[in-house]
C-alpha atoms as a PDB file:
ATOM      1  CA  MET A   1       5.905 -78.416  33.632  1.00  0.00           C
ATOM      2  CA  GLU A   2       3.718 -76.135  36.232  1.00  0.00           C
ATOM      3  CA  THR A   3       6.156 -73.650  38.202  1.00  0.00           C
ATOM      4  CA  SER A   4       5.034 -71.328  40.927  1.00  0.00           C
ATOM      5  CA  THR A   5       6.497 -68.163  42.718  1.00  0.00           C
ATOM      6  CA  HIS A   6       7.449 -66.754  45.830  1.00  0.00           C
ATOM      7  CA  THR A   7       5.241 -63.433  46.775  1.00  0.00           C
ATOM      8  CA  ASN A   8       6.912 -62.663  49.974  1.00  0.00           C
ATOM      9  CA  CYS A   9      10.552 -62.632  51.261  1.00  0.00           C
ATOM     10  CA  LEU A  10      11.708 -65.928  52.120  1.00  0.00           C
ATOM     11  CA  LEU A  11      14.035 -64.145  55.197  1.00  0.00           C
ATOM     12  CA  CYS A  12      11.234 -61.275  56.349  1.00  0.00           C
ATOM     13  CA  ASP A  13       7.670 -62.416  54.631  1.00  0.00           C
ATOM     14  CA  HIS A  14       7.596 -58.544  53.323  1.00  0.00           C
ATOM     15  CA  SER A  15       5.269 -58.739  50.107  1.00  0.00           C
ATOM     16  CA  SER A  16       7.086 -55.678  48.058  1.00  0.00           C
ATOM     17  CA  LEU A  17       9.898 -57.593  45.879  1.00  0.00           C
ATOM     18  CA  LYS A  18      11.555 -56.146  43.116  1.00  0.00           C
ATOM     19  CA  VAL A  19      13.148 -57.731  40.213  1.00  0.00           C
ATOM     20  CA  LEU A  20      16.617 -57.782  40.109  1.00  0.00           C
ATOM     21  CA  ARG A  21      17.558 -56.268  35.989  1.00  0.00           C
ATOM     22  CA  GLY A  22      19.894 -58.489  34.539  1.00  0.00           C
ATOM     23  CA  TYR A  23      19.470 -61.157  36.271  1.00  0.00           C
ATOM     24  CA  GLU A  24      16.252 -62.903  35.201  1.00  0.00           C
ATOM     25  CA  LYS A  25      17.626 -65.675  33.845  1.00  0.00           C
ATOM     26  CA  ASP A  26      18.062 -67.210  37.359  1.00  0.00           C
ATOM     27  CA  HIS A  27      14.578 -65.043  38.333  1.00  0.00           C
ATOM     28  CA  LEU A  28      16.119 -62.878  41.087  1.00  0.00           C
ATOM     29  CA  VAL A  29      14.442 -60.613  43.414  1.00  0.00           C
ATOM     30  CA  ARG A  30      15.147 -58.458  46.014  1.00  0.00           C
ATOM     31  CA  CYS A  31      13.148 -57.980  49.236  1.00  0.00           C
ATOM     32  CA  ARG A  32      12.465 -53.876  49.029  1.00  0.00           C
ATOM     33  CA  LYS A  33      12.420 -53.770  52.949  1.00  0.00           C
ATOM     34  CA  CYS A  34      15.453 -56.198  54.030  1.00  0.00           C
ATOM     35  CA  SER A  35      17.147 -56.434  50.484  1.00  0.00           C
ATOM     36  CA  PHE A  36      17.893 -60.224  50.361  1.00  0.00           C
ATOM     37  CA  VAL A  37      18.175 -61.435  46.961  1.00  0.00           C
ATOM     38  CA  PHE A  38      16.653 -64.993  45.847  1.00  0.00           C
ATOM     39  CA  SER A  39      15.132 -66.821  43.314  1.00  0.00           C
ATOM     40  CA  SER A  40      11.413 -65.876  42.874  1.00  0.00           C
ATOM     41  CA  ARG A  41      10.840 -69.232  40.980  1.00  0.00           C
ATOM     42  CA  ILE A  42       9.905 -72.079  42.948  1.00  0.00           C
ATOM     43  CA  PRO A  43      11.659 -75.231  41.018  1.00  0.00           C
ATOM     44  CA  SER A  44       9.464 -78.105  40.515  1.00  0.00           C
ATOM     45  CA  ALA A  45      10.472 -81.621  41.413  1.00  0.00           C
ATOM     46  CA  GLU A  46      10.738 -82.303  37.819  1.00  0.00           C
ATOM     47  CA  GLU A  47      13.354 -79.411  37.512  1.00  0.00           C
ATOM     48  CA  LEU A  48      15.312 -80.601  40.502  1.00  0.00           C
ATOM     49  CA  VAL A  49      15.251 -84.470  39.510  1.00  0.00           C
ATOM     50  CA  THR A  50      16.990 -83.568  36.229  1.00  0.00           C
ATOM     51  CA  PHE A  51      19.395 -80.981  37.798  1.00  0.00           C
ATOM     52  CA  TYR A  52      20.721 -83.116  40.442  1.00  0.00           C
ATOM     53  CA  GLU A  53      20.721 -86.575  38.563  1.00  0.00           C
ATOM     54  CA  GLY A  54      24.025 -85.163  36.991  1.00  0.00           C
ATOM     55  CA  TYR A  55      25.445 -83.272  40.043  1.00  0.00           C
ATOM     56  CA  GLN A  56      29.171 -84.581  40.007  1.00  0.00           C
ATOM     57  CA  ARG A  57      30.351 -85.447  43.391  1.00  0.00           C
ATOM     58  CA  ALA A  58      34.241 -84.790  44.855  1.00  0.00           C
ATOM     59  CA  ASN A  59      36.411 -88.718  44.791  1.00  0.00           C
ATOM     60  CA  ALA A  60      38.595 -86.970  47.473  1.00  0.00           C
ATOM     61  CA  ILE A  61      39.680 -84.162  48.992  1.00  0.00           C
ATOM     62  CA  SER A  62      43.403 -82.552  49.300  1.00  0.00           C
ATOM     63  CA  PRO A  63      45.633 -82.314  52.218  1.00  0.00           C
ATOM     64  CA  ILE A  64      45.037 -78.461  52.438  1.00  0.00           C
ATOM     65  CA  THR A  65      41.176 -79.123  52.730  1.00  0.00           C
ATOM     66  CA  ILE A  66      41.823 -81.971  55.590  1.00  0.00           C
ATOM     67  CA  LYS A  67      44.344 -78.923  57.173  1.00  0.00           C
ATOM     68  CA  ARG A  68      41.508 -76.682  56.856  1.00  0.00           C
ATOM     69  CA  TYR A  69      39.123 -78.965  58.568  1.00  0.00           C
ATOM     70  CA  HIS A  70      41.636 -79.247  61.709  1.00  0.00           C
ATOM     71  CA  GLU A  71      41.981 -75.622  61.809  1.00  0.00           C
ATOM     72  CA  LEU A  72      38.126 -75.106  61.620  1.00  0.00           C
ATOM     73  CA  LEU A  73      37.843 -78.103  64.458  1.00  0.00           C
ATOM     74  CA  ASP A  74      40.346 -76.337  66.763  1.00  0.00           C
ATOM     75  CA  GLN A  75      37.987 -73.255  67.262  1.00  0.00           C
ATOM     76  CA  PHE A  76      34.838 -75.742  67.667  1.00  0.00           C
ATOM     77  CA  GLU A  77      36.920 -77.407  70.884  1.00  0.00           C
ATOM     78  CA  GLU A  78      35.430 -74.623  73.306  1.00  0.00           C
ATOM     79  CA  PHE A  79      31.754 -75.471  72.306  1.00  0.00           C
ATOM     80  CA  ARG A  80      32.458 -79.214  73.072  1.00  0.00           C
ATOM     81  CA  SER A  81      30.351 -80.604  75.961  1.00  0.00           C
ATOM     82  CA  THR A  82      28.183 -83.622  74.451  1.00  0.00           C
ATOM     83  CA  GLY A  83      30.454 -83.866  71.737  1.00  0.00           C
ATOM     84  CA  ASN A  84      27.614 -84.095  69.061  1.00  0.00           C
ATOM     85  CA  ILE A  85      28.238 -82.314  66.495  1.00  0.00           C
ATOM     86  CA  ILE A  86      26.263 -82.466  62.788  1.00  0.00           C
ATOM     87  CA  ASP A  87      26.827 -81.593  59.255  1.00  0.00           C
ATOM     88  CA  ILE A  88      23.873 -80.564  57.089  1.00  0.00           C
ATOM     89  CA  GLY A  89      24.158 -81.707  53.372  1.00  0.00           C
ATOM     90  CA  CYS A  90      27.278 -83.491  54.497  1.00  0.00           C
ATOM     91  CA  GLY A  91      28.333 -84.923  51.191  1.00  0.00           C
ATOM     92  CA  ASP A  92      30.427 -87.817  51.421  1.00  0.00           C
ATOM     93  CA  GLY A  93      31.274 -87.154  54.858  1.00  0.00           C
ATOM     94  CA  TYR A  94      34.811 -85.761  54.700  1.00  0.00           C
ATOM     95  CA  PHE A  95      34.654 -83.214  57.071  1.00  0.00           C
ATOM     96  CA  LEU A  96      32.863 -85.547  59.579  1.00  0.00           C
ATOM     97  CA  GLU A  97      35.404 -87.994  58.883  1.00  0.00           C
ATOM     98  CA  VAL A  98      38.082 -85.698  60.486  1.00  0.00           C
ATOM     99  CA  ALA A  99      35.861 -84.407  62.973  1.00  0.00           C
ATOM    100  CA  LYS A 100      35.581 -88.326  63.815  1.00  0.00           C
ATOM    101  CA  GLU A 101      39.019 -88.992  64.046  1.00  0.00           C
ATOM    102  CA  ARG A 102      39.261 -86.052  66.931  1.00  0.00           C
ATOM    103  CA  GLY A 103      36.550 -87.981  69.167  1.00  0.00           C
ATOM    104  CA  TRP A 104      33.643 -86.089  68.177  1.00  0.00           C
ATOM    105  CA  ASN A 105      30.054 -88.225  68.070  1.00  0.00           C
ATOM    106  CA  VAL A 106      29.418 -87.248  64.185  1.00  0.00           C
ATOM    107  CA  PHE A 107      25.929 -87.054  62.401  1.00  0.00           C
ATOM    108  CA  GLY A 108      25.080 -85.997  58.459  1.00  0.00           C
ATOM    109  CA  VAL A 109      22.110 -85.921  56.792  1.00  0.00           C
ATOM    110  CA  GLU A 110      21.985 -86.085  52.869  1.00  0.00           C
ATOM    111  CA  PHE A 111      19.696 -86.791  49.956  1.00  0.00           C
ATOM    112  CA  THR A 112      20.851 -89.719  47.965  1.00  0.00           C
ATOM    113  CA  ASP A 113      21.673 -93.177  48.526  1.00  0.00           C
ATOM    114  CA  GLU A 114      25.162 -93.046  47.361  1.00  0.00           C
ATOM    115  CA  ALA A 115      26.128 -90.354  50.080  1.00  0.00           C
ATOM    116  CA  LEU A 116      24.052 -92.571  52.987  1.00  0.00           C
ATOM    117  CA  GLU A 117      25.845 -95.414  51.890  1.00  0.00           C
ATOM    118  CA  VAL A 118      29.101 -93.571  51.744  1.00  0.00           C
ATOM    119  CA  CYS A 119      29.031 -91.851  55.125  1.00  0.00           C
ATOM    120  CA  SER A 120      27.426 -94.893  56.702  1.00  0.00           C
ATOM    121  CA  ALA A 121      30.554 -97.007  55.987  1.00  0.00           C
ATOM    122  CA  LYS A 122      32.760 -94.370  57.395  1.00  0.00           C
ATOM    123  CA  GLY A 123      31.374 -94.592  61.210  1.00  0.00           C
ATOM    124  CA  ILE A 124      28.826 -91.491  60.368  1.00  0.00           C
ATOM    125  CA  THR A 125      25.345 -91.871  61.647  1.00  0.00           C
ATOM    126  CA  MET A 126      22.936 -90.885  58.962  1.00  0.00           C
ATOM    127  CA  LEU A 127      19.585 -89.836  57.992  1.00  0.00           C
ATOM    128  CA  ARG A 128      18.009 -88.785  54.585  1.00  0.00           C
ATOM    129  CA  GLY A 129      17.668 -85.015  54.565  1.00  0.00           C
ATOM    130  CA  PRO A 130      16.510 -82.640  54.363  1.00  0.00           C
ATOM    131  CA  LEU A 131      17.390 -81.628  57.871  1.00  0.00           C
ATOM    132  CA  GLU A 132      14.085 -82.163  60.401  1.00  0.00           C
ATOM    133  CA  ALA A 133      14.254 -81.570  63.939  1.00  0.00           C
ATOM    134  CA  ALA A 134      11.614 -83.831  64.883  1.00  0.00           C
ATOM    135  CA  ASN A 135      14.360 -86.794  64.228  1.00  0.00           C
ATOM    136  CA  TYR A 136      16.527 -85.681  66.955  1.00  0.00           C
ATOM    137  CA  GLU A 137      16.230 -84.680  70.580  1.00  0.00           C
ATOM    138  CA  PRO A 138      16.057 -80.765  71.534  1.00  0.00           C
ATOM    139  CA  ASP A 139      19.667 -79.495  72.473  1.00  0.00           C
ATOM    140  CA  PHE A 140      20.840 -82.383  71.303  1.00  0.00           C
ATOM    141  CA  PHE A 141      23.984 -80.862  69.404  1.00  0.00           C
ATOM    142  CA  ASP A 142      27.231 -78.842  70.825  1.00  0.00           C
ATOM    143  CA  VAL A 143      27.948 -77.545  66.912  1.00  0.00           C
ATOM    144  CA  VAL A 144      25.644 -77.735  63.816  1.00  0.00           C
ATOM    145  CA  THR A 145      27.844 -77.074  60.355  1.00  0.00           C
ATOM    146  CA  SER A 146      26.684 -76.020  57.104  1.00  0.00           C
ATOM    147  CA  PHE A 147      28.613 -76.040  54.301  1.00  0.00           C
ATOM    148  CA  GLU A 148      27.602 -74.182  51.087  1.00  0.00           C
ATOM    149  CA  VAL A 149      23.888 -75.459  51.570  1.00  0.00           C
ATOM    150  CA  ILE A 150      21.943 -72.838  52.801  1.00  0.00           C
ATOM    151  CA  GLU A 151      21.850 -71.019  49.088  1.00  0.00           C
ATOM    152  CA  HIS A 152      20.508 -74.417  48.055  1.00  0.00           C
ATOM    153  CA  ILE A 153      17.224 -73.813  50.060  1.00  0.00           C
ATOM    154  CA  TYR A 154      14.083 -71.703  49.581  1.00  0.00           C
ATOM    155  CA  ASN A 155      12.728 -72.054  53.262  1.00  0.00           C
ATOM    156  CA  PRO A 156      15.554 -70.811  55.355  1.00  0.00           C
ATOM    157  CA  ARG A 157      13.477 -69.972  58.150  1.00  0.00           C
ATOM    158  CA  LYS A 158      12.357 -73.734  58.709  1.00  0.00           C
ATOM    159  CA  GLU A 159      15.775 -74.873  58.352  1.00  0.00           C
ATOM    160  CA  VAL A 160      17.388 -72.312  60.926  1.00  0.00           C
ATOM    161  CA  SER A 161      13.923 -73.029  63.251  1.00  0.00           C
ATOM    162  CA  ASP A 162      15.170 -76.597  63.038  1.00  0.00           C
ATOM    163  CA  ILE A 163      18.980 -75.906  63.684  1.00  0.00           C
ATOM    164  CA  ARG A 164      17.902 -73.671  66.887  1.00  0.00           C
ATOM    165  CA  THR A 165      15.889 -76.848  68.246  1.00  0.00           C
ATOM    166  CA  ILE A 166      18.732 -79.389  67.945  1.00  0.00           C
ATOM    167  CA  LEU A 167      21.460 -77.046  68.593  1.00  0.00           C
ATOM    168  CA  ARG A 168      22.139 -76.786  72.841  1.00  0.00           C
ATOM    169  CA  LYS A 169      21.894 -73.333  74.550  1.00  0.00           C
ATOM    170  CA  ASP A 170      25.134 -71.821  73.562  1.00  0.00           C
ATOM    171  CA  GLY A 171      25.968 -74.331  70.994  1.00  0.00           C
ATOM    172  CA  LEU A 172      27.394 -72.981  67.666  1.00  0.00           C
ATOM    173  CA  PHE A 173      25.588 -72.729  63.929  1.00  0.00           C
ATOM    174  CA  TYR A 174      28.454 -72.835  61.608  1.00  0.00           C
ATOM    175  CA  VAL A 175      27.739 -71.714  58.206  1.00  0.00           C
ATOM    176  CA  THR A 176      29.477 -71.354  54.773  1.00  0.00           C
ATOM    177  CA  THR A 177      27.930 -69.538  51.716  1.00  0.00           C
ATOM    178  CA  PRO A 178      29.097 -67.531  48.452  1.00  0.00           C
ATOM    179  CA  ASN A 179      28.893 -63.903  49.110  1.00  0.00           C
ATOM    180  CA  PHE A 180      26.056 -61.770  46.826  1.00  0.00           C
ATOM    181  CA  ASN A 181      28.172 -58.656  47.645  1.00  0.00           C
ATOM    182  CA  SER A 182      31.425 -60.107  46.608  1.00  0.00           C
ATOM    183  CA  ILE A 183      34.084 -58.589  44.148  1.00  0.00           C
ATOM    184  CA  SER A 184      33.412 -61.321  41.759  1.00  0.00           C
ATOM    185  CA  ARG A 185      29.828 -61.042  41.179  1.00  0.00           C
ATOM    186  CA  SER A 186      30.516 -57.218  41.351  1.00  0.00           C
ATOM    187  CA  VAL A 187      32.487 -57.514  38.206  1.00  0.00           C
ATOM    188  CA  LEU A 188      31.213 -60.795  36.236  1.00  0.00           C
ATOM    189  CA  GLY A 189      27.409 -59.581  37.233  1.00  0.00           C
ATOM    190  CA  HIS A 190      25.090 -61.964  35.564  1.00  0.00           C
ATOM    191  CA  LYS A 191      28.053 -64.387  34.099  1.00  0.00           C
ATOM    192  CA  TRP A 192      29.328 -64.721  37.847  1.00  0.00           C
ATOM    193  CA  THR A 193      29.286 -68.755  37.929  1.00  0.00           C
ATOM    194  CA  ILE A 194      27.502 -69.107  41.237  1.00  0.00           C
ATOM    195  CA  LEU A 195      24.392 -67.965  39.617  1.00  0.00           C
ATOM    196  CA  ASN A 196      22.761 -70.891  38.724  1.00  0.00           C
ATOM    197  CA  TYR A 197      18.947 -71.974  39.017  1.00  0.00           C
ATOM    198  CA  PRO A 198      17.913 -74.364  40.214  1.00  0.00           C
ATOM    199  CA  GLU A 199      21.022 -75.174  42.153  1.00  0.00           C
ATOM    200  CA  HIS A 200      21.410 -72.066  43.989  1.00  0.00           C
ATOM    201  CA  LEU A 201      18.229 -70.145  45.303  1.00  0.00           C
ATOM    202  CA  SER A 202      19.313 -67.659  47.847  1.00  0.00           C
ATOM    203  CA  TYR A 203      22.369 -65.301  47.557  1.00  0.00           C
ATOM    204  CA  TYR A 204      23.277 -63.648  50.881  1.00  0.00           C
ATOM    205  CA  THR A 205      25.333 -60.728  52.346  1.00  0.00           C
ATOM    206  CA  ARG A 206      26.731 -60.291  55.488  1.00  0.00           C
ATOM    207  CA  LYS A 207      24.283 -57.944  56.219  1.00  0.00           C
ATOM    208  CA  THR A 208      21.327 -59.968  55.379  1.00  0.00           C
ATOM    209  CA  MET A 209      23.195 -62.947  56.774  1.00  0.00           C
ATOM    210  CA  ASN A 210      23.644 -61.344  60.139  1.00  0.00           C
ATOM    211  CA  ARG A 211      20.054 -59.662  60.590  1.00  0.00           C
ATOM    212  CA  PHE A 212      18.339 -62.885  59.473  1.00  0.00           C
ATOM    213  CA  MET A 213      20.324 -64.639  62.543  1.00  0.00           C
ATOM    214  CA  LYS A 214      19.449 -62.315  64.624  1.00  0.00           C
ATOM    215  CA  THR A 215      15.434 -62.528  63.901  1.00  0.00           C
ATOM    216  CA  MET A 216      15.813 -66.153  64.629  1.00  0.00           C
ATOM    217  CA  ARG A 217      17.441 -65.677  67.872  1.00  0.00           C
ATOM    218  CA  PHE A 218      20.984 -66.357  67.190  1.00  0.00           C
ATOM    219  CA  THR A 219      23.750 -64.092  68.607  1.00  0.00           C
ATOM    220  CA  LYS A 220      26.645 -63.404  66.317  1.00  0.00           C
ATOM    221  CA  LEU A 221      30.326 -64.473  67.073  1.00  0.00           C
ATOM    222  CA  ARG A 222      31.423 -63.182  63.978  1.00  0.00           C
ATOM    223  CA  THR A 223      30.896 -62.936  60.356  1.00  0.00           C
ATOM    224  CA  GLU A 224      33.713 -62.772  57.582  1.00  0.00           C
ATOM    225  CA  THR A 225      34.140 -62.839  53.870  1.00  0.00           C
ATOM    226  CA  THR A 226      37.598 -64.012  52.514  1.00  0.00           C
ATOM    227  CA  GLY A 227      39.057 -65.461  49.192  1.00  0.00           C
ATOM    228  CA  ILE A 228      38.843 -64.233  45.414  1.00  0.00           C
ATOM    229  CA  GLY A 229      37.850 -67.107  43.389  1.00  0.00           C
ATOM    230  CA  ILE A 230      40.365 -66.569  40.665  1.00  0.00           C
ATOM    231  CA  GLN A 231      39.274 -69.660  38.420  1.00  0.00           C
ATOM    232  CA  ARG A 232      35.873 -68.158  38.784  1.00  0.00           C
ATOM    233  CA  PHE A 233      36.833 -65.218  36.388  1.00  0.00           C
ATOM    234  CA  ARG A 234      38.643 -67.789  33.904  1.00  0.00           C
ATOM    235  CA  THR A 235      35.536 -69.920  33.761  1.00  0.00           C
ATOM    236  CA  ALA A 236      33.096 -67.210  33.760  1.00  0.00           C
ATOM    237  CA  VAL A 237      35.414 -65.412  30.804  1.00  0.00           C
ATOM    238  CA  THR A 238      36.843 -68.485  28.974  1.00  0.00           C
ATOM    239  CA  GLY A 239      34.329 -71.456  29.910  1.00  0.00           C
ATOM    240  CA  GLU A 240      37.575 -73.415  31.005  1.00  0.00           C
ATOM    241  CA  GLU A 241      37.348 -74.831  34.226  1.00  0.00           C
ATOM    242  CA  LYS A 242      40.460 -75.546  36.197  1.00  0.00           C
ATOM    243  CA  SER A 243      41.550 -76.817  39.679  1.00  0.00           C
ATOM    244  CA  GLN A 244      43.328 -74.127  41.908  1.00  0.00           C
ATOM    245  CA  GLU A 245      44.619 -76.634  43.740  1.00  0.00           C
ATOM    246  CA  ALA A 246      47.995 -75.361  42.240  1.00  0.00           C
ATOM    247  CA  LEU A 247      47.485 -71.851  43.607  1.00  0.00           C
ATOM    248  CA  ARG A 248      46.334 -73.285  46.974  1.00  0.00           C
ATOM    249  CA  GLU A 249      49.467 -75.281  47.160  1.00  0.00           C
ATOM    250  CA  LYS A 250      51.722 -72.190  46.387  1.00  0.00           C
ATOM    251  CA  THR A 251      49.898 -70.155  49.235  1.00  0.00           C
ATOM    252  CA  GLU A 252      50.682 -72.897  51.527  1.00  0.00           C
ATOM    253  CA  THR A 253      54.193 -73.253  51.125  1.00  0.00           C
ATOM    254  CA  ARG A 254      55.786 -70.111  49.998  1.00  0.00           C
ATOM    255  CA  ALA A 255      55.630 -67.139  52.521  1.00  0.00           C
ATOM    256  CA  LEU A 256      55.241 -64.302  49.814  1.00  0.00           C
ATOM    257  CA  TYR A 257      52.054 -66.107  48.904  1.00  0.00           C
ATOM    258  CA  ARG A 258      50.958 -66.468  52.175  1.00  0.00           C
ATOM    259  CA  LEU A 259      51.371 -62.790  53.068  1.00  0.00           C
ATOM    260  CA  ALA A 260      49.733 -61.484  49.997  1.00  0.00           C
ATOM    261  CA  LYS A 261      46.814 -63.876  51.033  1.00  0.00           C
ATOM    262  CA  LYS A 262      46.446 -62.216  54.253  1.00  0.00           C
ATOM    263  CA  THR A 263      46.768 -59.044  53.303  1.00  0.00           C
ATOM    264  CA  ILE A 264      44.333 -59.348  50.485  1.00  0.00           C
ATOM    265  CA  ASN A 265      41.924 -61.315  53.006  1.00  0.00           C
ATOM    266  CA  GLY A 266      41.922 -58.247  55.809  1.00  0.00           C
ATOM    267  CA  LEU A 267      40.699 -56.255  52.720  1.00  0.00           C
ATOM    268  CA  LEU A 268      38.179 -58.028  51.937  1.00  0.00           C
ATOM    269  CA  ARG A 269      37.020 -58.874  55.332  1.00  0.00           C
ATOM    270  CA  PHE A 270      36.790 -55.046  56.122  1.00  0.00           C
ATOM    271  CA  THR A 271      34.933 -54.118  52.941  1.00  0.00           C
ATOM    272  CA  ALA A 272      32.509 -57.366  53.359  1.00  0.00           C
ATOM    273  CA  SER A 273      33.483 -58.396  49.633  1.00  0.00           C
ATOM    274  CA  GLY A 274      35.043 -61.618  49.687  1.00  0.00           C
ATOM    275  CA  ASP A 275      33.585 -64.403  47.716  1.00  0.00           C
ATOM    276  CA  ALA A 276      33.221 -67.118  50.201  1.00  0.00           C
ATOM    277  CA  MET A 277      31.247 -66.130  53.838  1.00  0.00           C
ATOM    278  CA  LYS A 278      31.621 -67.884  56.842  1.00  0.00           C
ATOM    279  CA  GLY A 279      29.159 -67.005  59.923  1.00  0.00           C
ATOM    280  CA  TYR A 280      29.534 -67.936  63.204  1.00  0.00           C
ATOM    281  CA  PHE A 281      26.795 -67.921  65.316  1.00  0.00           C
ATOM    282  CA  ILE A 282      25.489 -68.788  69.010  1.00  0.00           C
ATOM    283  CA  ASN A 283      21.928 -70.127  70.009  1.00  0.00           C
ATOM    284  CA  SER A 284      20.732 -67.579  72.740  1.00  0.00           C
ATOM    285  CA  LYS A 285      17.317 -69.974  72.634  1.00  0.00           C
END
C-alpha cells in the first residue's frame, strides 16, 4: 500500500516540521512556526475505505442533545437573513432536523448513500461531500456549521476557503473540534482516545484555531473550550466504553451538578484546557 507524507504545515505552509515524540503511531508532527499538530502521513484511499466501512452511526440522539441544539440555534437567530444554513458532515441530520422545525432552509453534505437517503427523507437538501463551493451560489448561507469534522481533513485551507465563498458577509461559521491542549490529552498522552489515524488527521488548540481563522479573513467572535470527558479516561485505562448519558441527566436535573459544571467550565474556558473546542467566527469578506 503506497503512502505519501506532508512536507509542509497544513495551516501556514512552513516547511520545518518536528516529529512529536510519543505520538509516532499516529504520525503526528508539530509545525515549528505556528505550532499546529497534524498527521504527516496522508492516508491512502484504501486506508480510508477500510476504516470508514466499519464506522458506527448514531441511531438516535438524547433529549439533552436536542435541547443543546435549540440553545445553539437561539444564538444563530441574530445571523438569520436568507434563512439558509448548511451543516458540513451532517451525519443523519439530527441538528438540521431541529433547525428545519425552527424555519431554517436546511442543507447538508455527507459521503455515504445511507446518510444522503436518511437526510433527504427528513427534507434536508443534500449533496455528496466533501464541501465544494462551486455547488452553491456565493454568499448563499447565513450560517455554516461544522461539528467534529475539521479534525478529519488534511486540506483545511481549501475547506475554509470554500466556506468563506458560500457564507455571506457577516455570516457565522460555527466549528467544533477536540482541543489538543485539553486536560485529558495532557494526562493521557498517547492514550488519549481522540488520537486515531486515519480518522483524525488535524489537532487544533485555541491558539492555532484563532490564528488560522484570522489568516483566512474571519473575525473571531469567541472561541471557548469546555468539558472533561470522564469516559475518555475510563476507556483509555480500561478499554471499556460506556455512555455518559446518566451523568448528563444528573447535570440537567440536579442543582449541585449544574453548579459544579458551571464552575468547572469557567476554569476550563479561562485556561483553554477543556476537551471540546467551540469557535464562532464572522466572515469578514
